[in-house]
Amino acid sequence: MKMTTGVACVALWGLVSGATVAQDKVLNVLSYGGPWNEVQEKTVVERFKKETGYSVTLGSQPVNALAPIMAAKDNPVYDVVWMPAEDYSALSAAGQLLPLDYSNIPNAKDLYEGSALKEGIITSFAVVAIVYNTDKIKTPPTSWNDLWNPAYKGHVMLGDLPHSYATSFLVMAARVNGGGESNIDPGFKKIEQLKPSISGFYKNSGVAAQMFQQGSAWIAPWHHGRAKYMADRGVPLAYVVPKEGAPAYLSMIGVVKGTKNKAIAEKYINMVLAPDAQIAWATIIGAGPANKTVKLDPAIASTVPYGEDQVKKLVKLDWATILKNQDKWVERWQKEVTSP
């Protein structure tokens, strides 16, 4: 059939317009990747698509969520960002997160106290604990100071600053030895004494997992859920919360400034907080639920921070102070810890 130029233009505009609408119905989520994204696919993404008509693109940024957000400024690539507490503090301070409309997030009413903030929500609790190889270490460590045990010489693995696990360990080394976030010297002095025992440094959890699997690392400050995930797959790892306590690793979620999908993004966040999704994260990757109505099987509950008492005991770090000093700490770390 012959088509006039005018009709052809209208038809072409309709096709382009329809394609644009279809393209617009995508929610871009920056997440941790790996098993974290696998759980999202299973418990949130399909349901979200059915209920909203929006598809979800899951980005993976396992090391640093800041870079792509800061670089994009007011033209964001992502609508939603999942991040650790330190990245939340930095993005919030930079004005890169939007205030949340909690009328769109009804599941937030079931969160533990202090989990729903102006521009972000704590979605789960984990700890930076001492992870160790149960084949190599038969007596479980009980203190952060146990990392200096001569029996582990050549097999202690540390995170590398500015990775949050390394920062958490540095602060705990300072706290256990009379310092803290505002007096980090005792931590540096103590870790410098550990240098002969260090087998290597990890910049992300993929490297840490590889070092444990290869046997070069026997013990490390690491995310407790990663130990659980690997142990469930046959790697002989366990973790302990030292008697001095373990720093909380808070996973948080927020909406990026400049998004055109704010209300839809908040609906996604609401689904993340639903009990079934929270149970899946706890079961598969050891992320303790932030939704206090969640009922976990006792076998799972014993592997994650769970319940009012345990959540209250988590060691909360002063990330505002840490971020102010982070550049100086990184420079000092490179000179005093990672240098030969």
C-alpha atoms as a PDB file:
ATOM      1  CA  MET A   1       0.000   0.000   0.000  1.00  0.00           C
ATOM      2  CA  LYS A   2       1.347   3.427  -0.966  1.00  0.00           C
ATOM      3  CA  MET A   3       1.707   5.829   1.948  1.00  0.00           C
ATOM      4  CA  THR A   4       1.754   9.619   1.652  1.00  0.00           C
ATOM      5  CA  THR A   5       4.645  11.533   3.137  1.00  0.00           C
ATOM      6  CA  GLY A   6       2.448  13.038   5.853  1.00  0.00           C
ATOM      7  CA  VAL A   7       0.940   9.716   6.842  1.00  0.00           C
ATOM      8  CA  ALA A   8       4.388   8.125   6.736  1.00  0.00           C
ATOM      9  CA  CYS A   9       5.748  10.791   9.076  1.00  0.00           C
ATOM     10  CA  VAL A  10       2.877  10.312  11.492  1.00  0.00           C
ATOM     11  CA  ALA A  11       3.353   6.557  11.384  1.00  0.00           C
ATOM     12  CA  LEU A  12       7.108   6.889  11.883  1.00  0.00           C
ATOM     13  CA  TRP A  13       6.578   9.305  14.783  1.00  0.00           C
ATOM     14  CA  GLY A  14       4.196   6.801  16.316  1.00  0.00           C
ATOM     15  CA  LEU A  15       6.769   4.035  16.041  1.00  0.00           C
ATOM     16  CA  VAL A  16       9.505   6.202  17.511  1.00  0.00           C
ATOM     17  CA  SER A  17       7.204   7.519  20.216  1.00  0.00           C
ATOM     18  CA  GLY A  18       6.125   4.000  21.107  1.00  0.00           C
ATOM     19  CA  ALA A  19       9.734   2.845  21.218  1.00  0.00           C
ATOM     20  CA  THR A  20      10.611   5.776  23.459  1.00  0.00           C
ATOM     21  CA  VAL A  21       7.765   4.987  25.840  1.00  0.00           C
ATOM     22  CA  ALA A  22       8.838   1.357  25.940  1.00  0.00           C
ATOM     23  CA  GLN A  23      12.420   2.415  26.500  1.00  0.00           C
ATOM     24  CA  ASP A  24      11.397   4.803  29.261  1.00  0.00           C
ATOM     25  CA  LYS A  25       9.727   2.001  31.221  1.00  0.00           C
ATOM     26  CA  VAL A  26      13.041   0.783  32.583  1.00  0.00           C
ATOM     27  CA  LEU A  27      14.282   1.206  36.129  1.00  0.00           C
ATOM     28  CA  ASN A  28      18.070   1.255  36.369  1.00  0.00           C
ATOM     29  CA  VAL A  29      19.384  -0.072  39.666  1.00  0.00           C
ATOM     30  CA  LEU A  30      23.037   0.118  40.697  1.00  0.00           C
ATOM     31  CA  SER A  31      23.710  -2.814  42.998  1.00  0.00           C
ATOM     32  CA  TYR A  32      26.489  -5.002  44.404  1.00  0.00           C
ATOM     33  CA  GLY A  33      26.431  -7.623  41.660  1.00  0.00           C
ATOM     34  CA  GLY A  34      26.966 -11.358  42.072  1.00  0.00           C
ATOM     35  CA  PRO A  35      24.654 -13.198  44.466  1.00  0.00           C
ATOM     36  CA  TRP A  36      23.079  -9.905  45.559  1.00  0.00           C
ATOM     37  CA  ASN A  37      21.730  -9.373  42.052  1.00  0.00           C
ATOM     38  CA  GLU A  38      20.722 -13.020  41.768  1.00  0.00           C
ATOM     39  CA  VAL A  39      18.428 -12.628  44.772  1.00  0.00           C
ATOM     40  CA  GLN A  40      16.920  -9.459  43.303  1.00  0.00           C
ATOM     41  CA  GLU A  41      16.152 -11.273  40.065  1.00  0.00           C
ATOM     42  CA  LYS A  42      14.385 -14.067  41.931  1.00  0.00           C
ATOM     43  CA  THR A  43      12.449 -12.113  44.542  1.00  0.00           C
ATOM     44  CA  VAL A  44      11.885  -8.559  43.315  1.00  0.00           C
ATOM     45  CA  VAL A  45      12.475  -7.972  39.604  1.00  0.00           C
ATOM     46  CA  GLU A  46       9.844 -10.269  38.092  1.00  0.00           C
ATOM     47  CA  ARG A  47       7.170  -9.234  40.579  1.00  0.00           C
ATOM     48  CA  PHE A  48       8.020  -5.574  40.012  1.00  0.00           C
ATOM     49  CA  LYS A  49       7.691  -5.972  36.251  1.00  0.00           C
ATOM     50  CA  LYS A  50       4.294  -7.665  36.585  1.00  0.00           C
ATOM     51  CA  GLU A  51       2.922  -5.015  38.923  1.00  0.00           C
ATOM     52  CA  THR A  52       4.329  -1.893  37.258  1.00  0.00           C
ATOM     53  CA  GLY A  53       5.127  -2.805  33.655  1.00  0.00           C
ATOM     54  CA  TYR A  54       8.685  -1.610  34.214  1.00  0.00           C
ATOM     55  CA  SER A  55      11.647  -3.815  33.466  1.00  0.00           C
ATOM     56  CA  VAL A  56      14.758  -3.558  35.643  1.00  0.00           C
ATOM     57  CA  THR A  57      18.379  -3.229  34.612  1.00  0.00           C
ATOM     58  CA  LEU A  58      20.747  -4.294  37.388  1.00  0.00           C
ATOM     59  CA  GLY A  59      24.164  -2.687  37.295  1.00  0.00           C
ATOM     60  CA  SER A  60      27.075  -4.101  39.275  1.00  0.00           C
ATOM     61  CA  GLN A  61      29.428  -1.875  41.219  1.00  0.00           C
ATOM     62  CA  PRO A  62      30.891  -4.147  43.907  1.00  0.00           C
ATOM     63  CA  VAL A  63      33.662  -1.795  44.998  1.00  0.00           C
ATOM     64  CA  ASN A  64      32.497   1.793  44.826  1.00  0.00           C
ATOM     65  CA  ALA A  65      29.015   3.122  44.144  1.00  0.00           C
ATOM     66  CA  LEU A  66      30.166   6.727  44.262  1.00  0.00           C
ATOM     67  CA  ALA A  67      32.009   7.064  40.963  1.00  0.00           C
ATOM     68  CA  PRO A  68      29.151   6.577  38.457  1.00  0.00           C
ATOM     69  CA  ILE A  69      26.738   8.667  40.536  1.00  0.00           C
ATOM     70  CA  MET A  70      29.117  11.581  41.046  1.00  0.00           C
ATOM     71  CA  ALA A  71      30.238  11.505  37.420  1.00  0.00           C
ATOM     72  CA  ALA A  72      26.684  11.659  36.064  1.00  0.00           C
ATOM     73  CA  LYS A  73      25.717  14.674  38.225  1.00  0.00           C
ATOM     74  CA  ASP A  74      22.178  15.784  37.257  1.00  0.00           C
ATOM     75  CA  ASN A  75      21.853  13.363  34.342  1.00  0.00           C
ATOM     76  CA  PRO A  76      21.893  10.054  36.222  1.00  0.00           C
ATOM     77  CA  VAL A  77      22.490   6.711  34.586  1.00  0.00           C
ATOM     78  CA  TYR A  78      20.810   5.014  37.551  1.00  0.00           C
ATOM     79  CA  ASP A  79      17.487   5.636  39.281  1.00  0.00           C
ATOM     80  CA  VAL A  80      18.184   3.575  42.403  1.00  0.00           C
ATOM     81  CA  VAL A  81      21.489   2.948  44.131  1.00  0.00           C
ATOM     82  CA  TRP A  82      22.326   0.250  46.650  1.00  0.00           C
ATOM     83  CA  MET A  83      25.300   1.218  48.783  1.00  0.00           C
ATOM     84  CA  PRO A  84      27.148   0.755  52.066  1.00  0.00           C
ATOM     85  CA  ALA A  85      26.683   3.339  54.816  1.00  0.00           C
ATOM     86  CA  GLU A  86      29.831   5.268  53.942  1.00  0.00           C
ATOM     87  CA  ASP A  87      28.687   5.807  50.350  1.00  0.00           C
ATOM     88  CA  TYR A  88      25.296   6.922  51.625  1.00  0.00           C
ATOM     89  CA  SER A  89      26.980   9.510  53.827  1.00  0.00           C
ATOM     90  CA  ALA A  90      29.078  10.794  50.924  1.00  0.00           C
ATOM     91  CA  LEU A  91      26.245  10.885  48.379  1.00  0.00           C
ATOM     92  CA  SER A  92      23.898  12.536  50.855  1.00  0.00           C
ATOM     93  CA  ALA A  93      26.481  15.187  51.719  1.00  0.00           C
ATOM     94  CA  ALA A  94      27.005  15.840  47.986  1.00  0.00           C
ATOM     95  CA  GLY A  95      23.260  16.301  47.425  1.00  0.00           C
ATOM     96  CA  GLN A  96      23.068  13.326  45.045  1.00  0.00           C
ATOM     97  CA  LEU A  97      20.164  11.549  46.769  1.00  0.00           C
ATOM     98  CA  LEU A  98      16.504  12.591  46.871  1.00  0.00           C
ATOM     99  CA  PRO A  99      14.366  12.760  50.036  1.00  0.00           C
ATOM    100  CA  LEU A 100      12.078   9.727  50.137  1.00  0.00           C
ATOM    101  CA  ASP A 101       8.295   9.880  50.129  1.00  0.00           C
ATOM    102  CA  TYR A 102       7.447   7.230  52.693  1.00  0.00           C
ATOM    103  CA  SER A 103       3.802   7.152  51.634  1.00  0.00           C
ATOM    104  CA  ASN A 104       5.116   5.166  48.637  1.00  0.00           C
ATOM    105  CA  ILE A 105       7.085   2.802  50.887  1.00  0.00           C
ATOM    106  CA  PRO A 106       4.550   1.310  53.339  1.00  0.00           C
ATOM    107  CA  ASN A 107       6.847  -1.578  54.316  1.00  0.00           C
ATOM    108  CA  ALA A 108       9.132   0.980  55.957  1.00  0.00           C
ATOM    109  CA  LYS A 109       6.816   1.036  58.964  1.00  0.00           C
ATOM    110  CA  ASP A 110       8.075  -2.466  59.843  1.00  0.00           C
ATOM    111  CA  LEU A 111      11.776  -1.538  59.951  1.00  0.00           C
ATOM    112  CA  TYR A 112      13.953  -1.459  63.042  1.00  0.00           C
ATOM    113  CA  GLU A 113      14.207   1.940  64.648  1.00  0.00           C
ATOM    114  CA  GLY A 114      16.687   4.204  62.889  1.00  0.00           C
ATOM    115  CA  SER A 115      16.572   2.296  59.603  1.00  0.00           C
ATOM    116  CA  ALA A 116      14.415   4.777  57.674  1.00  0.00           C
ATOM    117  CA  LEU A 117      16.403   7.951  57.024  1.00  0.00           C
ATOM    118  CA  LYS A 118      15.562  11.073  55.056  1.00  0.00           C
ATOM    119  CA  GLU A 119      17.338  10.010  51.863  1.00  0.00           C
ATOM    120  CA  GLY A 120      17.964   6.319  52.324  1.00  0.00           C
ATOM    121  CA  ILE A 121      16.870   3.115  53.999  1.00  0.00           C
ATOM    122  CA  ILE A 122      18.888   0.397  55.709  1.00  0.00           C
ATOM    123  CA  THR A 123      17.788  -2.793  53.961  1.00  0.00           C
ATOM    124  CA  SER A 124      19.920  -5.315  55.834  1.00  0.00           C
ATOM    125  CA  PHE A 125      22.508  -5.762  58.550  1.00  0.00           C
ATOM    126  CA  ALA A 126      25.799  -7.580  58.304  1.00  0.00           C
ATOM    127  CA  VAL A 127      29.081  -7.409  60.171  1.00  0.00           C
ATOM    128  CA  VAL A 128      32.741  -7.148  59.315  1.00  0.00           C
ATOM    129  CA  ALA A 129      33.810 -10.183  61.318  1.00  0.00           C
ATOM    130  CA  ILE A 130      36.868 -12.424  61.533  1.00  0.00           C
ATOM    131  CA  VAL A 131      36.561 -15.041  58.791  1.00  0.00           C
ATOM    132  CA  TYR A 132      38.856 -18.066  58.996  1.00  0.00           C
ATOM    133  CA  ASN A 133      39.646 -21.374  57.308  1.00  0.00           C
ATOM    134  CA  THR A 134      38.384 -24.156  59.568  1.00  0.00           C
ATOM    135  CA  ASP A 135      40.800 -26.697  58.060  1.00  0.00           C
ATOM    136  CA  LYS A 136      43.818 -24.553  58.941  1.00  0.00           C
ATOM    137  CA  ILE A 137      42.622 -22.973  62.197  1.00  0.00           C
ATOM    138  CA  LYS A 138      41.082 -25.463  64.629  1.00  0.00           C
ATOM    139  CA  THR A 139      40.666 -23.112  67.606  1.00  0.00           C
ATOM    140  CA  PRO A 140      38.335 -20.254  66.638  1.00  0.00           C
ATOM    141  CA  PRO A 141      39.699 -16.762  67.311  1.00  0.00           C
ATOM    142  CA  THR A 142      37.847 -14.709  69.918  1.00  0.00           C
ATOM    143  CA  SER A 143      39.407 -11.232  69.697  1.00  0.00           C
ATOM    144  CA  TRP A 144      40.595  -8.793  67.061  1.00  0.00           C
ATOM    145  CA  ASN A 145      44.011  -9.109  68.692  1.00  0.00           C
ATOM    146  CA  ASP A 146      44.085 -12.777  67.671  1.00  0.00           C
ATOM    147  CA  LEU A 147      45.003 -11.705  64.149  1.00  0.00           C
ATOM    148  CA  TRP A 148      48.484 -11.023  65.558  1.00  0.00           C
ATOM    149  CA  ASN A 149      48.851 -14.673  66.616  1.00  0.00           C
ATOM    150  CA  PRO A 150      52.263 -15.870  65.292  1.00  0.00           C
ATOM    151  CA  ALA A 151      50.617 -19.130  64.206  1.00  0.00           C
ATOM    152  CA  TYR A 152      48.953 -17.219  61.358  1.00  0.00           C
ATOM    153  CA  LYS A 153      52.177 -15.654  60.072  1.00  0.00           C
ATOM    154  CA  GLY A 154      52.121 -15.378  56.293  1.00  0.00           C
ATOM    155  CA  HIS A 155      48.402 -16.141  56.063  1.00  0.00           C
ATOM    156  CA  VAL A 156      46.586 -13.019  57.306  1.00  0.00           C
ATOM    157  CA  MET A 157      44.644 -11.207  54.591  1.00  0.00           C
ATOM    158  CA  LEU A 158      43.478  -7.597  54.876  1.00  0.00           C
ATOM    159  CA  GLY A 159      41.295  -5.352  52.787  1.00  0.00           C
ATOM    160  CA  ASP A 160      43.020  -2.432  51.113  1.00  0.00           C
ATOM    161  CA  LEU A 161      41.986   1.127  51.933  1.00  0.00           C
ATOM    162  CA  PRO A 162      39.700   2.806  51.034  1.00  0.00           C
ATOM    163  CA  HIS A 163      37.646  -0.442  50.933  1.00  0.00           C
ATOM    164  CA  SER A 164      35.109  -0.266  53.744  1.00  0.00           C
ATOM    165  CA  TYR A 165      36.148  -3.623  55.245  1.00  0.00           C
ATOM    166  CA  ALA A 166      39.724  -2.349  55.574  1.00  0.00           C
ATOM    167  CA  THR A 167      38.495   0.911  57.063  1.00  0.00           C
ATOM    168  CA  SER A 168      36.334  -0.976  59.547  1.00  0.00           C
ATOM    169  CA  PHE A 169      39.299  -3.097  60.636  1.00  0.00           C
ATOM    170  CA  LEU A 170      41.549  -0.047  60.979  1.00  0.00           C
ATOM    171  CA  VAL A 171      38.990   1.653  63.231  1.00  0.00           C
ATOM    172  CA  MET A 172      38.519  -1.494  65.342  1.00  0.00           C
ATOM    173  CA  ALA A 173      42.301  -1.880  65.690  1.00  0.00           C
ATOM    174  CA  ALA A 174      42.361   1.713  66.931  1.00  0.00           C
ATOM    175  CA  ARG A 175      39.405   1.234  69.296  1.00  0.00           C
ATOM    176  CA  VAL A 176      40.779  -1.963  70.823  1.00  0.00           C
ATOM    177  CA  ASN A 177      44.064  -0.170  71.472  1.00  0.00           C
ATOM    178  CA  GLY A 178      42.759   3.031  73.021  1.00  0.00           C
ATOM    179  CA  GLY A 179      41.892   5.098  69.942  1.00  0.00           C
ATOM    180  CA  GLY A 180      39.036   5.401  67.491  1.00  0.00           C
ATOM    181  CA  GLU A 181      37.780   7.371  64.521  1.00  0.00           C
ATOM    182  CA  SER A 182      39.113  10.649  65.954  1.00  0.00           C
ATOM    183  CA  ASN A 183      42.414   9.088  67.089  1.00  0.00           C
ATOM    184  CA  ILE A 184      43.491   6.585  64.467  1.00  0.00           C
ATOM    185  CA  ASP A 185      47.202   6.432  65.417  1.00  0.00           C
ATOM    186  CA  PRO A 186      46.865   3.351  67.672  1.00  0.00           C
ATOM    187  CA  GLY A 187      45.254   1.461  64.783  1.00  0.00           C
ATOM    188  CA  PHE A 188      48.051   2.269  62.342  1.00  0.00           C
ATOM    189  CA  LYS A 189      50.742   1.419  64.883  1.00  0.00           C
ATOM    190  CA  LYS A 190      49.126  -1.921  65.663  1.00  0.00           C
ATOM    191  CA  ILE A 191      48.592  -2.888  62.007  1.00  0.00           C
ATOM    192  CA  GLU A 192      52.162  -1.960  61.126  1.00  0.00           C
ATOM    193  CA  GLN A 193      53.223  -4.656  63.599  1.00  0.00           C
ATOM    194  CA  LEU A 194      51.085  -7.122  61.632  1.00  0.00           C
ATOM    195  CA  LYS A 195      52.985  -6.655  58.338  1.00  0.00           C
ATOM    196  CA  PRO A 196      55.161  -9.819  58.661  1.00  0.00           C
ATOM    197  CA  SER A 197      51.981 -11.911  58.885  1.00  0.00           C
ATOM    198  CA  ILE A 198      50.140 -10.423  55.911  1.00  0.00           C
ATOM    199  CA  SER A 199      49.791 -12.658  52.855  1.00  0.00           C
ATOM    200  CA  GLY A 200      48.058 -10.069  50.708  1.00  0.00           C
ATOM    201  CA  PHE A 201      45.428  -7.368  50.381  1.00  0.00           C
ATOM    202  CA  TYR A 202      42.069  -7.503  48.646  1.00  0.00           C
ATOM    203  CA  LYS A 203      40.464  -4.598  46.820  1.00  0.00           C
ATOM    204  CA  ASN A 204      37.124  -6.397  46.498  1.00  0.00           C
ATOM    205  CA  SER A 205      35.415  -9.527  47.749  1.00  0.00           C
ATOM    206  CA  GLY A 206      36.134 -11.447  44.552  1.00  0.00           C
ATOM    207  CA  VAL A 207      39.859 -11.226  45.277  1.00  0.00           C
ATOM    208  CA  ALA A 208      39.296 -12.183  48.921  1.00  0.00           C
ATOM    209  CA  ALA A 209      37.293 -15.243  47.897  1.00  0.00           C
ATOM    210  CA  GLN A 210      40.018 -16.308  45.490  1.00  0.00           C
ATOM    211  CA  MET A 211      42.744 -15.992  48.138  1.00  0.00           C
ATOM    212  CA  PHE A 212      40.748 -18.107  50.574  1.00  0.00           C
ATOM    213  CA  GLN A 213      40.094 -20.734  47.899  1.00  0.00           C
ATOM    214  CA  GLN A 214      43.760 -20.861  46.893  1.00  0.00           C
ATOM    215  CA  GLY A 215      44.818 -21.296  50.526  1.00  0.00           C
ATOM    216  CA  SER A 216      47.130 -18.278  50.737  1.00  0.00           C
ATOM    217  CA  ALA A 217      44.722 -16.669  53.206  1.00  0.00           C
ATOM    218  CA  TRP A 218      43.670 -18.437  56.386  1.00  0.00           C
ATOM    219  CA  ILE A 219      42.119 -15.553  58.269  1.00  0.00           C
ATOM    220  CA  ALA A 220      40.823 -12.059  57.474  1.00  0.00           C
ATOM    221  CA  PRO A 221      38.477  -9.278  58.527  1.00  0.00           C
ATOM    222  CA  TRP A 222      35.681  -9.760  55.986  1.00  0.00           C
ATOM    223  CA  HIS A 223      31.928  -9.609  55.452  1.00  0.00           C
ATOM    224  CA  HIS A 224      30.338 -12.417  57.489  1.00  0.00           C
ATOM    225  CA  GLY A 225      27.776 -13.148  54.760  1.00  0.00           C
ATOM    226  CA  ARG A 226      30.498 -13.836  52.215  1.00  0.00           C
ATOM    227  CA  ALA A 227      31.863 -16.521  54.536  1.00  0.00           C
ATOM    228  CA  LYS A 228      28.423 -18.083  54.791  1.00  0.00           C
ATOM    229  CA  TYR A 229      27.915 -17.968  51.033  1.00  0.00           C
ATOM    230  CA  MET A 230      31.232 -19.725  50.389  1.00  0.00           C
ATOM    231  CA  ALA A 231      30.765 -22.249  53.199  1.00  0.00           C
ATOM    232  CA  ASP A 232      27.386 -23.201  51.701  1.00  0.00           C
ATOM    233  CA  ARG A 233      29.317 -24.024  48.525  1.00  0.00           C
ATOM    234  CA  GLY A 234      31.930 -26.236  50.150  1.00  0.00           C
ATOM    235  CA  VAL A 235      34.742 -23.842  51.066  1.00  0.00           C
ATOM    236  CA  PRO A 236      35.837 -24.513  54.693  1.00  0.00           C
ATOM    237  CA  LEU A 237      35.134 -21.055  56.118  1.00  0.00           C
ATOM    238  CA  ALA A 238      33.485 -19.846  59.308  1.00  0.00           C
ATOM    239  CA  TYR A 239      33.276 -16.492  61.008  1.00  0.00           C
ATOM    240  CA  VAL A 240      33.287 -15.158  64.554  1.00  0.00           C
ATOM    241  CA  VAL A 241      32.154 -11.882  66.081  1.00  0.00           C
ATOM    242  CA  PRO A 242      35.089 -10.876  68.316  1.00  0.00           C
ATOM    243  CA  LYS A 243      34.432 -10.187  72.002  1.00  0.00           C
ATOM    244  CA  GLU A 244      35.114  -6.481  71.394  1.00  0.00           C
ATOM    245  CA  GLY A 245      32.246  -6.412  68.878  1.00  0.00           C
ATOM    246  CA  ALA A 246      32.076  -6.229  65.094  1.00  0.00           C
ATOM    247  CA  PRO A 247      31.447  -3.179  62.916  1.00  0.00           C
ATOM    248  CA  ALA A 248      28.061  -3.113  61.268  1.00  0.00           C
ATOM    249  CA  TYR A 249      28.039  -3.341  57.497  1.00  0.00           C
ATOM    250  CA  LEU A 250      24.824  -1.600  56.565  1.00  0.00           C
ATOM    251  CA  SER A 251      23.378  -2.066  53.107  1.00  0.00           C
ATOM    252  CA  MET A 252      21.338   0.989  52.181  1.00  0.00           C
ATOM    253  CA  ILE A 253      19.181   1.979  49.248  1.00  0.00           C
ATOM    254  CA  GLY A 254      18.228   5.384  47.896  1.00  0.00           C
ATOM    255  CA  VAL A 255      16.898   7.293  44.894  1.00  0.00           C
ATOM    256  CA  VAL A 256      19.368   9.231  42.750  1.00  0.00           C
ATOM    257  CA  LYS A 257      18.908  12.948  42.165  1.00  0.00           C
ATOM    258  CA  GLY A 258      17.668  13.749  38.664  1.00  0.00           C
ATOM    259  CA  THR A 259      15.741  10.529  38.078  1.00  0.00           C
ATOM    260  CA  LYS A 260      12.455  10.797  36.230  1.00  0.00           C
ATOM    261  CA  ASN A 261      11.203   7.645  37.937  1.00  0.00           C
ATOM    262  CA  LYS A 262      11.117   8.625  41.615  1.00  0.00           C
ATOM    263  CA  ALA A 263       7.698   7.184  42.525  1.00  0.00           C
ATOM    264  CA  ILE A 264       8.410   3.959  40.623  1.00  0.00           C
ATOM    265  CA  ALA A 265      11.829   3.742  42.297  1.00  0.00           C
ATOM    266  CA  GLU A 266      10.146   4.023  45.703  1.00  0.00           C
ATOM    267  CA  LYS A 267       7.801   1.177  44.757  1.00  0.00           C
ATOM    268  CA  TYR A 268      10.862  -0.929  43.964  1.00  0.00           C
ATOM    269  CA  ILE A 269      12.360  -0.087  47.351  1.00  0.00           C
ATOM    270  CA  ASN A 270       9.089  -1.089  48.994  1.00  0.00           C
ATOM    271  CA  MET A 271       9.337  -4.545  47.388  1.00  0.00           C
ATOM    272  CA  VAL A 272      12.934  -4.887  48.582  1.00  0.00           C
ATOM    273  CA  LEU A 273      11.653  -4.461  52.143  1.00  0.00           C
ATOM    274  CA  ALA A 274       8.929  -7.123  51.810  1.00  0.00           C
ATOM    275  CA  PRO A 275       9.369 -10.156  54.094  1.00  0.00           C
ATOM    276  CA  ASP A 276       9.861 -12.694  51.278  1.00  0.00           C
ATOM    277  CA  ALA A 277      12.713 -10.683  49.751  1.00  0.00           C
ATOM    278  CA  GLN A 278      14.286 -10.073  53.146  1.00  0.00           C
ATOM    279  CA  ILE A 279      14.156 -13.790  53.958  1.00  0.00           C
ATOM    280  CA  ALA A 280      15.834 -14.629  50.634  1.00  0.00           C
ATOM    281  CA  TRP A 281      18.746 -12.274  51.279  1.00  0.00           C
ATOM    282  CA  ALA A 282      19.234 -13.720  54.751  1.00  0.00           C
ATOM    283  CA  THR A 283      19.054 -17.308  53.500  1.00  0.00           C
ATOM    284  CA  ILE A 284      21.290 -17.004  50.440  1.00  0.00           C
ATOM    285  CA  ILE A 285      23.863 -14.339  51.298  1.00  0.00           C
ATOM    286  CA  GLY A 286      23.635 -13.848  55.043  1.00  0.00           C
ATOM    287  CA  ALA A 287      22.128 -10.360  55.078  1.00  0.00           C
ATOM    288  CA  GLY A 288      20.247  -9.869  58.346  1.00  0.00           C
ATOM    289  CA  PRO A 289      16.762  -8.474  57.699  1.00  0.00           C
ATOM    290  CA  ALA A 290      15.949  -4.852  58.490  1.00  0.00           C
ATOM    291  CA  ASN A 291      12.237  -5.708  58.499  1.00  0.00           C
ATOM    292  CA  LYS A 292      11.536  -6.655  62.116  1.00  0.00           C
ATOM    293  CA  THR A 293       8.417  -8.663  61.212  1.00  0.00           C
ATOM    294  CA  VAL A 294      10.504 -11.237  59.323  1.00  0.00           C
ATOM    295  CA  LYS A 295      10.521 -14.724  60.848  1.00  0.00           C
ATOM    296  CA  LEU A 296      13.642 -16.695  60.007  1.00  0.00           C
ATOM    297  CA  ASP A 297      14.187 -20.414  60.344  1.00  0.00           C
ATOM    298  CA  PRO A 298      16.382 -20.925  63.462  1.00  0.00           C
ATOM    299  CA  ALA A 299      19.185 -22.423  61.355  1.00  0.00           C
ATOM    300  CA  ILE A 300      19.291 -19.262  59.224  1.00  0.00           C
ATOM    301  CA  ALA A 301      18.726 -16.900  62.149  1.00  0.00           C
ATOM    302  CA  SER A 302      21.891 -18.202  63.794  1.00  0.00           C
ATOM    303  CA  THR A 303      23.989 -17.066  60.815  1.00  0.00           C
ATOM    304  CA  VAL A 304      22.918 -13.395  60.559  1.00  0.00           C
ATOM    305  CA  PRO A 305      22.332 -10.365  62.785  1.00  0.00           C
ATOM    306  CA  TYR A 306      18.701 -10.978  63.696  1.00  0.00           C
ATOM    307  CA  GLY A 307      16.316  -9.560  66.259  1.00  0.00           C
ATOM    308  CA  GLU A 308      16.187  -6.386  68.326  1.00  0.00           C
ATOM    309  CA  ASP A 309      18.950  -7.369  70.757  1.00  0.00           C
ATOM    310  CA  GLN A 310      21.504  -8.293  68.080  1.00  0.00           C
ATOM    311  CA  VAL A 311      20.768  -5.245  65.953  1.00  0.00           C
ATOM    312  CA  LYS A 312      21.307  -2.967  68.955  1.00  0.00           C
ATOM    313  CA  LYS A 313      24.689  -4.584  69.690  1.00  0.00           C
ATOM    314  CA  LEU A 314      26.146  -3.844  66.255  1.00  0.00           C
ATOM    315  CA  VAL A 315      29.128  -1.489  66.386  1.00  0.00           C
ATOM    316  CA  LYS A 316      28.162   1.637  64.440  1.00  0.00           C
ATOM    317  CA  LEU A 317      31.086   3.536  62.968  1.00  0.00           C
ATOM    318  CA  ASP A 318      31.263   7.321  62.660  1.00  0.00           C
ATOM    319  CA  TRP A 319      31.394   7.502  58.876  1.00  0.00           C
ATOM    320  CA  ALA A 320      31.145  11.294  58.799  1.00  0.00           C
ATOM    321  CA  THR A 321      34.455  11.529  60.700  1.00  0.00           C
ATOM    322  CA  ILE A 322      35.977   8.691  58.666  1.00  0.00           C
ATOM    323  CA  LEU A 323      35.164  10.335  55.335  1.00  0.00           C
ATOM    324  CA  LYS A 324      36.687  13.633  56.423  1.00  0.00           C
ATOM    325  CA  ASN A 325      39.967  11.841  57.107  1.00  0.00           C
ATOM    326  CA  GLN A 326      39.864   9.134  54.466  1.00  0.00           C
ATOM    327  CA  ASP A 327      42.300  10.655  51.959  1.00  0.00           C
ATOM    328  CA  LYS A 328      44.931  11.148  54.671  1.00  0.00           C
ATOM    329  CA  TRP A 329      44.360   7.627  55.953  1.00  0.00           C
ATOM    330  CA  VAL A 330      44.756   6.132  52.452  1.00  0.00           C
ATOM    331  CA  GLU A 331      48.036   7.984  51.945  1.00  0.00           C
ATOM    332  CA  ARG A 332      49.291   6.838  55.334  1.00  0.00           C
ATOM    333  CA  TRP A 333      48.098   3.247  54.714  1.00  0.00           C
ATOM    334  CA  GLN A 334      50.113   3.090  51.500  1.00  0.00           C
ATOM    335  CA  LYS A 335      53.248   4.339  53.262  1.00  0.00           C
ATOM    336  CA  GLU A 336      52.990   2.399  56.513  1.00  0.00           C
ATOM    337  CA  VAL A 337      51.056  -0.774  55.701  1.00  0.00           C
ATOM    338  CA  THR A 338      51.119  -1.810  52.034  1.00  0.00           C
ATOM    339  CA  SER A 339      54.627  -0.595  51.225  1.00  0.00           C
ATOM    340  CA  PRO A 340      57.390  -3.276  51.435  1.00  0.00           C
END
